[in-house]
Amino acid sequence: MQIFKSWLSVRWFVGLAMSGLDGQRAVLAAKFEAILPHLDERQRRLLMGAEAQSLGHGGIRAVARAAGVREATVSVGVRELEAGEAPLGRIRRPGAGRKRVVDRNPAVREALLTLVEPDVRGDPMSPLRWTTKSTRKLAEQLTRQGHRISADTVGDLLREEGFSLQSNAKTLEGKQHPDRDAQFHYLNEQARDHQDRGAPVISVDTKKKELVGPFKNNGREWEPRGEPVRVDTHDFPDRELGRAVPYGIYDVAANTGWVNVGTDHDTAAFAVESIRRWWNGAGRAAYPTAGRLLITADAGGSNGYRTRTWKTELARFAAEACLTVTVCHLPPGTSKWNRIEHRLFSHITMNWRGRPLTSHEVIVESIAATTTKTGLTVHAELDTNPYPTGIQVSDDEIAALPITRHRFHGDWNYTLHPQHPTHAATTDSTSDQAPATRPPSLTRRSLQDPELTGMTRLRLSELINALTPALEVQREQVLRTRRGHERLVAPGTGAKAKLTPADRILATVLHLRKLATMDLLGQLFGVTAMTISRAKQEVHPLLEAHGHHIDTSTARLRTPADVATFLAPDSTQSKAKETI
């Protein structure tokens, strides 16, 4: 009986203990369910380890069952607490977790760089050479090569290697002319000189031709939500409305613009007519005492330096307005540096952004409404006159122009006079021939001028003395080869050469300076262009063999009159500007 009572007592105490553990487990389970989802991996381990320590023996198993985790996880938490480590600042220890793709497969980085840099590091015939290099396509190509990787990992690797998503940068200006900077300096000096004398300086150019009609215009404007301005889906020009051709004149000193909106072709005649309208409508009143005008223009287009009609129309305008018109062209490939682009055209584009140019009147009014905080004002008018293309200008018409080419790049910088410059006149005033077309007399000494040869007379003489013996030996060898045997007569007998060795060297130097064509040199030396060509073929190799380099000139001469004008002591260009 006593044994039975003892057994009942033990059974009661065990039941009581079991009911207490079940209660503790239920409390822990509720606590873990509420707190653990808000903790990271390490924080959960530490919490469970602390609960296990508080429970004592059997606490690890009880906590593991209550939290629904492995007992090993709780044991790790207990050991971390007992170690007393400071907070790591991260969830896992350094080196823990899944290894990175580049650690498991180091070759993937090089394979990726080969794809994104095919011209530098890899095969230019890469499969992705001619397609977009998105992270998805890069990942697909790497996977085909045996490097299993995701698009996100590709993006991470590219950023580690210093790559980023970038658009094209419009910074290349093509092949730069060697006199690019010098021309900008010269243009700046001309502008300063004209402004100091109270003369107008204008920047001219044709703005982008615009379609007239309900066509999309880039930009955004505030409109009611869901009610954008409806425009045509295709940009086919309207046969009746056509295009608008805005030609702008920007007055640099006054900060004012004048835009002539044409409806026909963008020709040189239209460009000069726009300048004429600006002068008659605004320029003459703003500069009543001005006798000079400086125009800065691009190197191409309707106002290009090669366009003959541009020069003939400007000469006509100069005579009508009694103005001495100087033109300085920007170097080729630098049109974006034209002042009118930044001071006028850009503001016009911003003013009509997001607005369909439905008629010529809308274009004119939008241009005229353009203003800036710096005080820009713009006048605009419509020009419906026809301007036919294909107008031919003969060499005689160009030769008869009252034009003076500057010493520095006469093709880019020239002045048109209301009448022929007085220094081009000759003593025979009764002649019917225009003074500018009368061929001047040029001696060999004048052709040796340092302005033409690019070297002093002494240096030229030394060059001739150094090359003449070699030139004579070379000539004898050529003649012997042509004859097939040695000379039968004494040197000096027989037919004389058309050019002396000194003339051949001088002609070659002038041609290498790119001052004149072989036809012009033939006129100056009294021979044919073929003779000049043969002289160059003989002399040029000797110059290279002796290490003589001939610097290219900036002047471009087309007629003997140009040469005489270039060498004239009373040239309109000052000596200070010759040194540029």
Protein backbone atom coordinates (compact mmCIF):
# COMPACT_ATOMS: atom_id res chain seq x y z
CA MET A 1 0.00 0.00 0.00
CA GLN A 2 2.80 2.39 0.85
CA ILE A 3 4.55 1.57 -2.42
CA PHE A 4 1.36 2.32 -4.35
CA LYS A 5 1.01 5.72 -2.65
CA SER A 6 4.61 6.55 -3.48
CA TRP A 7 4.02 5.66 -7.11
CA LEU A 8 0.94 7.90 -7.26
CA SER A 9 2.89 10.75 -5.71
CA VAL A 10 5.68 10.46 -8.30
CA ARG A 11 3.08 10.20 -11.05
CA TRP A 12 1.40 13.40 -9.84
CA PHE A 13 4.65 15.34 -9.69
CA VAL A 14 5.66 14.14 -13.19
CA GLY A 15 2.26 15.17 -14.58
CA LEU A 16 2.56 18.53 -12.92
CA ALA A 17 6.05 19.01 -14.43
CA MET A 18 4.87 17.92 -17.84
CA SER A 19 1.96 20.31 -17.74
CA GLY A 20 4.39 23.13 -16.76
CA LEU A 21 6.76 22.38 -19.69
CA ASP A 22 3.85 22.32 -22.09
CA GLY A 23 2.78 25.71 -20.81
CA GLN A 24 6.28 27.13 -21.14
CA ARG A 25 6.54 25.75 -24.65
CA ALA A 26 3.23 27.33 -25.60
CA VAL A 27 4.36 30.70 -24.15
CA LEU A 28 7.68 30.49 -26.04
CA ALA A 29 5.93 29.49 -29.26
CA ALA A 30 3.61 32.51 -29.00
CA LYS A 31 6.54 34.82 -28.20
CA PHE A 32 8.65 33.52 -31.10
CA GLU A 33 5.73 33.74 -33.51
CA ALA A 34 5.28 37.42 -32.67
CA ILE A 35 8.94 38.52 -32.55
CA LEU A 36 11.06 36.33 -34.84
CA PRO A 37 9.57 37.59 -38.17
CA HIS A 38 10.87 41.08 -37.33
CA LEU A 39 14.46 39.98 -36.69
CA ASP A 40 17.28 39.08 -39.02
CA GLU A 41 19.05 35.72 -38.98
CA ARG A 42 21.65 36.52 -36.33
CA GLN A 43 19.22 38.33 -34.07
CA ARG A 44 16.90 35.31 -34.12
CA ARG A 45 19.76 33.00 -33.10
CA LEU A 46 20.76 35.27 -30.21
CA LEU A 47 17.18 35.53 -28.94
CA MET A 48 16.65 31.78 -29.02
CA GLY A 49 20.03 31.21 -27.35
CA ALA A 50 19.12 33.63 -24.52
CA GLU A 51 15.79 31.80 -23.93
CA ALA A 52 17.57 28.44 -23.88
CA GLN A 53 20.10 29.69 -21.31
CA SER A 54 17.29 30.96 -19.07
CA LEU A 55 15.54 27.57 -19.14
CA GLY A 56 18.66 25.65 -18.12
CA HIS A 57 18.92 21.92 -18.78
CA GLY A 58 16.69 20.90 -21.69
CA GLY A 59 16.21 24.51 -22.74
CA ILE A 60 17.82 24.06 -26.18
CA ARG A 61 15.39 21.29 -27.09
CA ALA A 62 12.41 23.18 -25.69
CA VAL A 63 13.29 26.40 -27.54
CA ALA A 64 13.98 24.51 -30.79
CA ARG A 65 10.56 22.83 -30.62
CA ALA A 66 8.80 26.07 -29.72
CA ALA A 67 10.49 28.04 -32.53
CA GLY A 68 10.30 25.20 -35.06
CA VAL A 69 14.03 25.22 -35.80
CA ARG A 70 16.88 22.77 -35.53
CA GLU A 71 18.53 22.35 -32.12
CA ALA A 72 21.90 23.07 -33.77
CA THR A 73 20.67 26.58 -34.65
CA VAL A 74 19.78 27.27 -31.01
CA SER A 75 23.15 25.87 -29.91
CA VAL A 76 24.95 28.29 -32.25
CA GLY A 77 23.04 31.14 -30.63
CA VAL A 78 24.07 29.96 -27.16
CA ARG A 79 27.73 29.73 -28.18
CA GLU A 80 27.63 33.23 -29.71
CA LEU A 81 26.24 34.62 -26.45
CA GLU A 82 28.81 32.81 -24.35
CA ALA A 83 31.62 34.07 -26.62
CA GLY A 84 30.66 37.65 -25.80
CA GLU A 85 31.47 38.97 -29.31
CA ALA A 86 30.75 42.59 -30.16
CA PRO A 87 28.01 43.33 -32.70
CA LEU A 88 29.25 42.41 -36.20
CA GLY A 89 27.27 45.08 -38.04
CA ARG A 90 26.10 42.41 -40.46
CA ILE A 91 23.93 39.29 -40.42
CA ARG A 92 26.57 36.72 -41.33
CA ARG A 93 30.24 36.50 -40.62
CA PRO A 94 32.63 37.62 -43.40
CA GLY A 95 32.96 34.80 -45.88
CA ALA A 96 29.72 33.16 -44.87
CA GLY A 97 26.81 32.61 -47.20
CA ARG A 98 26.75 31.49 -50.81
CA LYS A 99 29.92 32.15 -52.80
CA ARG A 100 29.79 34.77 -55.56
CA VAL A 101 29.77 33.69 -59.19
CA VAL A 102 33.13 35.35 -59.84
CA ASP A 103 34.63 33.47 -56.88
CA ARG A 104 33.38 30.13 -58.13
CA ASN A 105 34.18 30.97 -61.76
CA PRO A 106 36.90 33.66 -62.12
CA ALA A 107 36.87 33.34 -65.93
CA VAL A 108 33.40 34.89 -66.15
CA ARG A 109 34.75 38.40 -65.55
CA GLU A 110 37.17 38.19 -68.49
CA ALA A 111 34.48 36.65 -70.70
CA LEU A 112 32.12 39.52 -69.85
CA LEU A 113 34.73 42.19 -70.65
CA THR A 114 35.42 40.47 -73.96
CA LEU A 115 31.77 40.88 -74.91
CA VAL A 116 31.39 44.54 -73.91
CA GLU A 117 34.77 45.60 -75.34
CA PRO A 118 35.09 43.61 -78.58
CA ASP A 119 37.22 46.25 -80.34
CA VAL A 120 39.80 46.37 -77.55
CA ARG A 121 39.89 43.08 -75.72
CA GLY A 122 38.24 40.46 -77.87
CA ASP A 123 37.12 39.34 -81.26
CA PRO A 124 35.56 42.13 -83.37
CA MET A 125 33.23 39.48 -84.77
CA SER A 126 31.67 38.88 -81.36
CA PRO A 127 27.99 37.76 -81.53
CA LEU A 128 27.02 40.94 -79.67
CA ARG A 129 29.13 43.25 -81.85
CA TRP A 130 26.15 44.57 -83.78
CA THR A 131 23.33 44.29 -81.23
CA THR A 132 22.33 45.95 -77.99
CA LYS A 133 24.44 44.97 -74.99
CA SER A 134 21.70 44.68 -72.38
CA THR A 135 22.42 42.73 -69.19
CA ARG A 136 19.87 40.13 -70.26
CA LYS A 137 21.58 39.47 -73.60
CA LEU A 138 24.99 39.49 -72.01
CA ALA A 139 23.83 36.93 -69.45
CA GLU A 140 22.35 34.73 -72.19
CA GLN A 141 25.58 34.83 -74.21
CA LEU A 142 27.72 34.05 -71.15
CA THR A 143 25.46 31.13 -70.27
CA ARG A 144 25.89 29.74 -73.80
CA GLN A 145 29.65 29.94 -73.26
CA GLY A 146 29.35 27.86 -70.09
CA HIS A 147 29.29 30.69 -67.53
CA ARG A 148 25.92 30.41 -65.85
CA ILE A 149 25.01 33.89 -64.57
CA SER A 150 21.95 36.10 -64.10
CA ALA A 151 21.29 39.51 -65.61
CA ASP A 152 21.44 41.18 -62.19
CA THR A 153 24.87 39.70 -61.51
CA VAL A 154 26.06 40.93 -64.91
CA GLY A 155 24.98 44.44 -63.96
CA ASP A 156 26.85 44.19 -60.64
CA LEU A 157 30.03 43.04 -62.40
CA LEU A 158 29.82 45.82 -64.97
CA ARG A 159 29.47 48.43 -62.25
CA GLU A 160 32.47 46.95 -60.43
CA GLU A 161 34.51 47.30 -63.63
CA GLY A 162 33.61 50.97 -63.94
CA PHE A 163 30.83 50.66 -66.54
CA SER A 164 27.54 52.53 -66.44
CA LEU A 165 24.61 53.14 -68.77
CA GLN A 166 25.53 56.12 -70.95
CA SER A 167 24.17 57.73 -74.08
CA ASN A 168 26.31 59.02 -76.95
CA ALA A 169 28.16 62.28 -76.26
CA LYS A 170 28.28 64.72 -79.17
CA THR A 171 31.82 65.95 -78.62
CA LEU A 172 33.74 64.90 -81.74
CA GLU A 173 34.02 67.63 -84.32
CA GLY A 174 35.58 65.51 -87.01
CA LYS A 175 38.96 66.27 -88.49
CA GLN A 176 39.98 69.65 -87.14
CA HIS A 177 41.58 72.14 -89.45
CA PRO A 178 45.12 73.06 -88.33
CA ASP A 179 44.17 76.76 -88.37
CA ARG A 180 40.97 76.26 -86.36
CA ASP A 181 42.08 78.12 -83.24
CA ALA A 182 43.96 80.77 -85.20
CA GLN A 183 40.80 81.53 -87.19
CA PHE A 184 38.78 81.96 -84.00
CA HIS A 185 41.39 84.37 -82.67
CA TYR A 186 41.39 86.29 -85.94
CA LEU A 187 37.60 86.45 -86.00
CA ASN A 188 37.59 87.74 -82.43
CA GLU A 189 40.10 90.46 -83.33
CA GLN A 190 37.99 91.53 -86.29
CA ALA A 191 34.86 91.67 -84.14
CA ARG A 192 36.61 93.73 -81.46
CA ASP A 193 37.99 96.12 -84.07
CA HIS A 194 34.57 96.71 -85.64
CA GLN A 195 32.83 97.15 -82.30
CA ASP A 196 35.47 99.63 -81.11
CA ARG A 197 34.77 101.70 -84.22
CA GLY A 198 31.00 101.58 -83.68
CA ALA A 199 30.40 99.25 -86.61
CA PRO A 200 27.80 96.46 -86.41
CA VAL A 201 28.82 92.82 -85.95
CA ILE A 202 26.22 90.24 -86.89
CA SER A 203 26.11 86.45 -86.73
CA VAL A 204 24.05 84.81 -89.48
CA ASP A 205 22.82 81.31 -90.22
CA THR A 206 19.82 79.32 -91.40
CA LYS A 207 17.82 77.64 -88.66
CA LYS A 208 16.56 74.10 -89.17
CA LYS A 209 13.86 74.00 -91.79
CA GLU A 210 10.46 73.34 -90.22
CA LEU A 211 7.46 71.47 -91.57
CA VAL A 212 4.35 73.64 -91.69
CA GLY A 213 1.18 71.87 -90.61
CA PRO A 214 -0.18 69.70 -87.79
CA PHE A 215 3.09 67.87 -87.21
CA LYS A 216 4.72 66.82 -83.96
CA ASN A 217 7.06 69.38 -82.42
CA ASN A 218 9.46 68.08 -79.78
CA GLY A 219 8.93 69.24 -76.21
CA ARG A 220 6.08 69.24 -73.68
CA GLU A 221 3.53 71.85 -72.64
CA TRP A 222 0.90 71.91 -69.87
CA GLU A 223 -2.40 70.55 -71.18
CA PRO A 224 -5.50 69.05 -69.47
CA ARG A 225 -4.86 65.47 -68.41
CA GLY A 226 -5.66 63.05 -71.21
CA GLU A 227 -6.10 65.81 -73.80
CA PRO A 228 -2.79 66.16 -75.70
CA VAL A 229 -2.65 68.16 -78.90
CA ARG A 230 -3.42 65.79 -81.76
CA VAL A 231 -0.93 65.78 -84.67
CA ASP A 232 -0.36 63.69 -87.78
CA THR A 233 1.21 60.28 -87.35
CA HIS A 234 3.55 60.80 -90.33
CA ASP A 235 5.81 63.73 -91.14
CA PHE A 236 5.15 63.98 -94.86
CA PRO A 237 5.39 67.63 -95.99
CA ASP A 238 2.14 69.34 -96.89
CA ARG A 239 2.19 70.20 -100.60
CA GLU A 240 0.35 73.47 -100.07
CA LEU A 241 2.04 74.68 -96.87
CA GLY A 242 5.48 73.23 -97.59
CA ARG A 243 8.35 74.16 -95.28
CA ALA A 244 9.48 77.27 -93.46
CA VAL A 245 13.09 78.42 -93.89
CA PRO A 246 14.04 80.74 -90.99
CA TYR A 247 17.21 82.75 -91.74
CA GLY A 248 18.46 84.58 -88.68
CA ILE A 249 20.59 87.68 -88.12
CA TYR A 250 21.82 88.22 -84.59
CA ASP A 251 23.25 91.62 -83.62
CA VAL A 252 25.96 90.74 -81.12
CA ALA A 253 26.28 94.17 -79.48
CA ALA A 254 22.56 95.03 -79.31
CA ASN A 255 21.41 91.50 -78.35
CA THR A 256 18.62 91.63 -80.91
CA GLY A 257 17.52 89.12 -83.52
CA TRP A 258 15.98 89.42 -86.94
CA VAL A 259 14.51 86.33 -88.60
CA ASN A 260 13.39 86.25 -92.22
CA VAL A 261 11.05 83.28 -92.68
CA GLY A 262 11.24 82.12 -96.29
CA THR A 263 8.83 79.80 -98.06
CA ASP A 264 11.02 78.77 -101.00
CA HIS A 265 14.64 77.57 -101.15
CA ASP A 266 17.53 78.32 -98.84
CA THR A 267 19.83 79.96 -101.38
CA ALA A 268 22.62 82.53 -101.18
CA ALA A 269 20.28 85.12 -102.68
CA PHE A 270 17.79 84.45 -99.87
CA ALA A 271 20.53 84.75 -97.26
CA VAL A 272 21.73 88.13 -98.57
CA GLU A 273 18.15 89.36 -98.96
CA SER A 274 17.61 88.55 -95.27
CA ILE A 275 20.68 90.64 -94.38
CA ARG A 276 19.42 93.45 -96.63
CA ARG A 277 16.05 93.45 -94.88
CA TRP A 278 17.73 93.56 -91.48
CA TRP A 279 19.91 96.52 -92.53
CA ASN A 280 17.02 98.49 -94.03
CA GLY A 281 14.64 97.64 -91.18
CA ALA A 282 16.88 97.85 -88.11
CA GLY A 283 20.60 98.08 -88.81
CA ARG A 284 20.65 101.46 -90.56
CA ALA A 285 18.70 103.10 -87.73
CA ALA A 286 20.81 101.46 -85.01
CA TYR A 287 24.12 102.38 -86.68
CA PRO A 288 23.47 105.60 -88.65
CA THR A 289 27.16 106.52 -89.02
CA ALA A 290 28.50 103.05 -89.75
CA GLY A 291 30.50 102.55 -92.92
CA ARG A 292 31.54 98.98 -92.17
CA LEU A 293 29.78 95.73 -91.38
CA LEU A 294 31.23 92.45 -90.11
CA ILE A 295 29.39 89.20 -90.85
CA THR A 296 30.35 85.97 -89.08
CA ALA A 297 28.98 82.90 -90.83
CA ASP A 298 29.42 79.14 -91.08
CA ALA A 299 31.79 77.65 -93.63
CA GLY A 300 29.03 75.87 -95.55
CA GLY A 301 25.41 76.21 -96.54
CA SER A 302 23.86 79.14 -98.37
CA ASN A 303 26.43 81.47 -96.81
CA GLY A 304 29.45 79.19 -97.29
CA TYR A 305 32.85 80.51 -98.29
CA ARG A 306 32.84 78.41 -101.48
CA THR A 307 29.45 79.72 -102.66
CA ARG A 308 30.01 82.14 -105.51
CA THR A 309 26.47 83.54 -105.47
CA TRP A 310 26.99 84.50 -101.81
CA LYS A 311 29.88 86.76 -102.79
CA THR A 312 28.20 88.30 -105.83
CA GLU A 313 24.99 89.05 -103.89
CA LEU A 314 26.99 90.51 -101.00
CA ALA A 315 28.89 92.74 -103.42
CA ARG A 316 25.57 94.02 -104.76
CA PHE A 317 24.33 94.66 -101.21
CA ALA A 318 27.57 96.46 -100.29
CA ALA A 319 27.12 98.79 -103.29
CA GLU A 320 23.46 99.47 -102.43
CA ALA A 321 24.11 100.15 -98.74
CA CYS A 322 27.46 101.94 -99.30
CA LEU A 323 29.01 99.59 -96.75
CA THR A 324 32.37 97.89 -96.61
CA VAL A 325 31.25 94.35 -95.80
CA THR A 326 33.80 92.05 -94.15
CA VAL A 327 32.99 88.33 -93.87
CA CYS A 328 34.75 85.96 -91.46
CA HIS A 329 33.73 82.32 -91.73
CA LEU A 330 33.96 79.88 -88.85
CA PRO A 331 36.36 77.01 -89.54
CA PRO A 332 34.79 73.91 -91.12
CA GLY A 333 33.10 71.62 -88.62
CA THR A 334 32.56 74.30 -85.95
CA SER A 335 29.06 75.53 -86.82
CA LYS A 336 27.80 74.86 -83.29
CA TRP A 337 30.11 77.63 -82.04
CA ASN A 338 28.30 80.21 -84.14
CA ARG A 339 27.02 82.90 -81.76
CA ILE A 340 23.53 82.88 -83.26
CA GLU A 341 23.01 79.23 -82.29
CA HIS A 342 23.29 79.94 -78.54
CA ARG A 343 21.94 83.47 -78.41
CA LEU A 344 18.93 83.23 -80.73
CA PHE A 345 18.03 79.88 -82.27
CA SER A 346 18.07 77.91 -79.00
CA HIS A 347 15.60 80.34 -77.39
CA ILE A 348 13.29 80.18 -80.41
CA THR A 349 13.24 76.39 -80.16
CA MET A 350 12.41 76.53 -76.45
CA ASN A 351 9.67 79.10 -77.05
CA TRP A 352 7.69 76.96 -79.50
CA ARG A 353 8.38 73.57 -77.92
CA GLY A 354 5.49 71.12 -77.89
CA ARG A 355 3.45 73.37 -80.20
CA PRO A 356 2.54 72.28 -83.75
CA LEU A 357 3.62 74.88 -86.32
CA THR A 358 0.34 74.81 -88.21
CA SER A 359 0.97 77.85 -90.43
CA HIS A 360 3.60 80.37 -91.44
CA GLU A 361 1.82 82.97 -89.30
CA VAL A 362 2.19 80.75 -86.23
CA ILE A 363 5.91 80.40 -86.95
CA VAL A 364 6.40 84.16 -87.41
CA GLU A 365 4.44 85.05 -84.28
CA SER A 366 6.19 82.39 -82.18
CA ILE A 367 9.60 83.68 -83.26
CA ALA A 368 8.64 87.31 -82.62
CA ALA A 369 7.42 86.44 -79.11
CA THR A 370 10.80 84.99 -78.11
CA THR A 371 12.44 86.83 -75.20
CA THR A 372 15.03 86.09 -72.52
CA LYS A 373 15.86 87.43 -69.07
CA THR A 374 18.97 89.08 -70.55
CA GLY A 375 16.86 91.32 -72.77
CA LEU A 376 16.77 89.53 -76.12
CA THR A 377 14.16 90.85 -78.55
CA VAL A 378 13.38 89.31 -81.92
CA HIS A 379 11.72 90.66 -85.05
CA ALA A 380 10.31 88.18 -87.55
CA GLU A 381 8.67 88.59 -90.92
CA LEU A 382 7.49 86.38 -93.76
CA ASP A 383 9.29 86.31 -97.11
CA THR A 384 7.20 84.73 -99.88
CA ASN A 385 9.54 85.66 -102.74
CA PRO A 386 10.86 82.85 -104.95
CA TYR A 387 14.57 82.05 -104.79
CA PRO A 388 15.47 79.70 -107.64
CA THR A 389 18.42 77.35 -107.41
CA GLY A 390 21.09 76.53 -109.98
CA ILE A 391 22.31 80.08 -110.61
CA GLN A 392 25.76 79.97 -112.25
CA VAL A 393 28.48 82.56 -111.62
CA SER A 394 31.33 82.68 -114.14
CA ASP A 395 35.02 83.13 -113.43
CA ASP A 396 34.91 86.57 -115.06
CA GLU A 397 32.15 87.69 -112.67
CA ILE A 398 34.17 86.50 -109.69
CA ALA A 399 37.30 88.19 -111.00
CA ALA A 400 35.41 91.47 -111.43
CA LEU A 401 34.16 91.56 -107.83
CA PRO A 402 35.46 94.43 -105.65
CA ILE A 403 36.81 91.92 -103.14
CA THR A 404 39.96 91.97 -101.02
CA ARG A 405 41.08 88.69 -99.53
CA HIS A 406 42.80 89.05 -96.19
CA ARG A 407 46.37 87.96 -95.69
CA PHE A 408 45.26 85.38 -93.13
CA HIS A 409 43.15 82.71 -94.83
CA GLY A 410 41.85 84.77 -97.69
CA ASP A 411 39.35 82.03 -98.47
CA TRP A 412 37.71 82.42 -95.05
CA ASN A 413 38.25 86.15 -94.52
CA TYR A 414 37.53 88.73 -97.20
CA THR A 415 36.13 92.21 -97.61
CA LEU A 416 33.67 93.40 -100.24
CA HIS A 417 33.86 97.11 -101.09
CA PRO A 418 31.13 99.38 -102.39
CA GLN A 419 33.48 99.93 -105.35
CA HIS A 420 36.84 98.60 -106.46
CA PRO A 421 39.65 99.31 -103.98
CA THR A 422 41.86 102.17 -105.10
CA HIS A 423 45.06 100.15 -104.71
CA ALA A 424 43.94 97.83 -107.54
CA ALA A 425 43.72 100.67 -110.07
CA THR A 426 46.44 101.19 -112.66
CA THR A 427 47.83 104.30 -114.27
CA ASP A 428 45.86 103.67 -117.46
CA SER A 429 42.54 105.13 -116.32
CA THR A 430 41.13 105.25 -119.84
CA SER A 431 41.14 101.50 -120.21
CA ASP A 432 37.75 99.79 -120.37
CA GLN A 433 39.10 96.74 -118.55
CA ALA A 434 38.20 96.43 -114.86
CA PRO A 435 41.21 97.19 -112.64
CA ALA A 436 40.79 93.96 -110.70
CA THR A 437 41.11 91.84 -113.84
CA ARG A 438 44.25 93.46 -115.25
CA PRO A 439 47.14 91.02 -114.74
CA PRO A 440 49.97 92.56 -112.71
CA SER A 441 53.65 92.21 -113.48
CA LEU A 442 55.35 89.94 -110.95
CA THR A 443 59.13 89.41 -110.98
CA ARG A 444 61.08 86.46 -109.65
CA ARG A 445 62.17 88.61 -106.75
CA SER A 446 58.59 89.42 -105.81
CA LEU A 447 57.78 85.69 -105.89
CA GLN A 448 60.59 85.15 -103.38
CA ASP A 449 58.85 87.40 -100.87
CA PRO A 450 58.85 85.86 -97.36
CA GLU A 451 55.06 86.28 -97.26
CA LEU A 452 54.85 83.73 -100.08
CA THR A 453 57.75 81.38 -99.32
CA GLY A 454 57.36 81.33 -95.54
CA MET A 455 61.11 81.82 -95.08
CA THR A 456 63.57 84.70 -95.28
CA ARG A 457 65.32 85.46 -98.54
CA LEU A 458 68.61 84.34 -97.02
CA ARG A 459 67.18 80.99 -95.97
CA LEU A 460 65.63 80.51 -99.42
CA SER A 461 69.00 81.29 -101.04
CA GLU A 462 70.73 78.75 -98.79
CA LEU A 463 68.09 76.17 -99.68
CA ILE A 464 68.61 76.77 -103.41
CA ASN A 465 72.40 76.52 -103.06
CA ALA A 466 72.06 73.27 -101.11
CA LEU A 467 69.68 71.56 -103.54
CA THR A 468 71.00 72.81 -106.90
CA PRO A 469 73.98 70.39 -107.15
CA ALA A 470 71.84 67.39 -106.25
CA LEU A 471 69.15 68.59 -108.64
CA GLU A 472 71.68 68.81 -111.48
CA VAL A 473 73.02 65.33 -110.76
CA GLN A 474 69.49 63.95 -110.64
CA ARG A 475 68.63 65.65 -113.93
CA GLU A 476 71.73 64.20 -115.63
CA GLN A 477 70.76 60.72 -114.45
CA VAL A 478 67.25 61.13 -115.84
CA LEU A 479 68.59 62.33 -119.20
CA ARG A 480 71.08 59.47 -119.37
CA THR A 481 68.35 56.94 -118.69
CA ARG A 482 66.20 58.55 -121.34
CA ARG A 483 69.08 58.53 -123.91
CA GLY A 484 70.37 55.11 -123.04
CA HIS A 485 74.00 56.19 -123.19
CA GLU A 486 76.41 58.80 -121.90
CA ARG A 487 76.31 62.41 -123.01
CA LEU A 488 77.80 62.97 -126.46
CA VAL A 489 78.04 66.75 -126.26
CA ALA A 490 79.48 69.05 -123.60
CA PRO A 491 77.26 70.09 -120.67
CA GLY A 492 75.42 73.34 -121.37
CA THR A 493 74.87 72.70 -125.05
CA GLY A 494 71.62 71.64 -126.61
CA ALA A 495 68.08 72.65 -125.65
CA LYS A 496 67.79 74.77 -122.54
CA ALA A 497 65.55 73.79 -119.64
CA LYS A 498 62.35 75.81 -119.39
CA LEU A 499 63.02 76.50 -115.70
CA THR A 500 66.32 77.07 -113.97
CA PRO A 501 67.10 74.98 -110.88
CA ALA A 502 66.36 78.02 -108.71
CA ASP A 503 62.95 78.48 -110.39
CA ARG A 504 62.11 74.81 -110.01
CA ILE A 505 62.92 74.93 -106.30
CA LEU A 506 60.95 78.17 -105.84
CA ALA A 507 57.91 76.83 -107.70
CA THR A 508 57.97 73.63 -105.62
CA VAL A 509 58.15 75.62 -102.38
CA LEU A 510 55.19 77.78 -103.43
CA HIS A 511 53.14 74.74 -104.39
CA LEU A 512 53.95 72.90 -101.15
CA ARG A 513 52.85 76.00 -99.30
CA LYS A 514 49.45 75.41 -100.96
CA LEU A 515 49.33 79.04 -101.94
CA ALA A 516 48.38 78.46 -105.55
CA THR A 517 47.44 75.80 -108.05
CA MET A 518 49.85 74.53 -110.68
CA ASP A 519 47.92 76.48 -113.32
CA LEU A 520 48.51 79.75 -111.46
CA LEU A 521 52.18 78.90 -110.89
CA GLY A 522 52.49 78.19 -114.60
CA GLN A 523 51.16 81.66 -115.33
CA LEU A 524 53.55 83.25 -112.87
CA PHE A 525 56.62 81.42 -114.24
CA GLY A 526 55.56 81.59 -117.88
CA VAL A 527 55.32 77.82 -118.39
CA THR A 528 52.63 75.17 -118.47
CA ALA A 529 51.16 73.44 -115.44
CA MET A 530 52.78 70.20 -116.61
CA THR A 531 56.23 71.81 -116.34
CA ILE A 532 55.45 72.88 -112.77
CA SER A 533 54.28 69.34 -112.00
CA ARG A 534 57.52 67.84 -113.34
CA ALA A 535 59.58 70.35 -111.35
CA LYS A 536 57.77 69.34 -108.19
CA GLN A 537 58.38 65.64 -108.91
CA GLU A 538 62.11 66.38 -109.14
CA VAL A 539 62.47 68.73 -106.16
CA HIS A 540 60.09 67.29 -103.58
CA PRO A 541 62.09 64.05 -102.96
CA LEU A 542 65.26 66.13 -102.53
CA LEU A 543 63.56 68.33 -99.94
CA GLU A 544 62.51 65.26 -97.96
CA ALA A 545 65.94 63.66 -98.30
CA HIS A 546 67.64 66.80 -96.94
CA GLY A 547 65.11 67.10 -94.08
CA HIS A 548 63.52 70.36 -95.27
CA HIS A 549 59.88 70.76 -94.18
CA ILE A 550 57.75 73.39 -95.92
CA ASP A 551 55.01 74.87 -93.73
CA THR A 552 51.57 75.23 -95.28
CA SER A 553 50.32 78.80 -95.76
CA THR A 554 46.86 79.98 -94.77
CA ALA A 555 46.44 82.17 -97.87
CA ARG A 556 44.77 80.85 -101.01
CA LEU A 557 45.51 82.70 -104.24
CA ARG A 558 43.69 82.03 -107.50
CA THR A 559 44.83 84.70 -109.97
CA PRO A 560 47.97 86.79 -110.54
CA ALA A 561 45.93 89.76 -109.33
CA ASP A 562 45.42 87.96 -106.01
CA VAL A 563 49.18 87.54 -105.71
CA ALA A 564 49.78 91.23 -106.41
CA THR A 565 47.11 92.24 -103.92
CA PHE A 566 48.57 89.87 -101.35
CA LEU A 567 52.00 91.47 -101.72
CA ALA A 568 50.73 95.06 -101.97
CA PRO A 569 52.36 97.28 -99.31
CA ASP A 570 49.15 99.29 -98.88
CA SER A 571 47.05 96.19 -98.18
CA THR A 572 44.02 96.81 -95.99
CA GLN A 573 45.23 94.27 -93.46
CA SER A 574 47.48 95.67 -90.75
CA LYS A 575 50.89 94.20 -90.02
CA ALA A 576 49.71 93.27 -86.54
CA LYS A 577 47.20 90.86 -88.05
CA GLU A 578 49.75 89.34 -90.41
CA THR A 579 51.52 87.72 -87.46
CA ILE A 580 48.50 85.65 -86.44
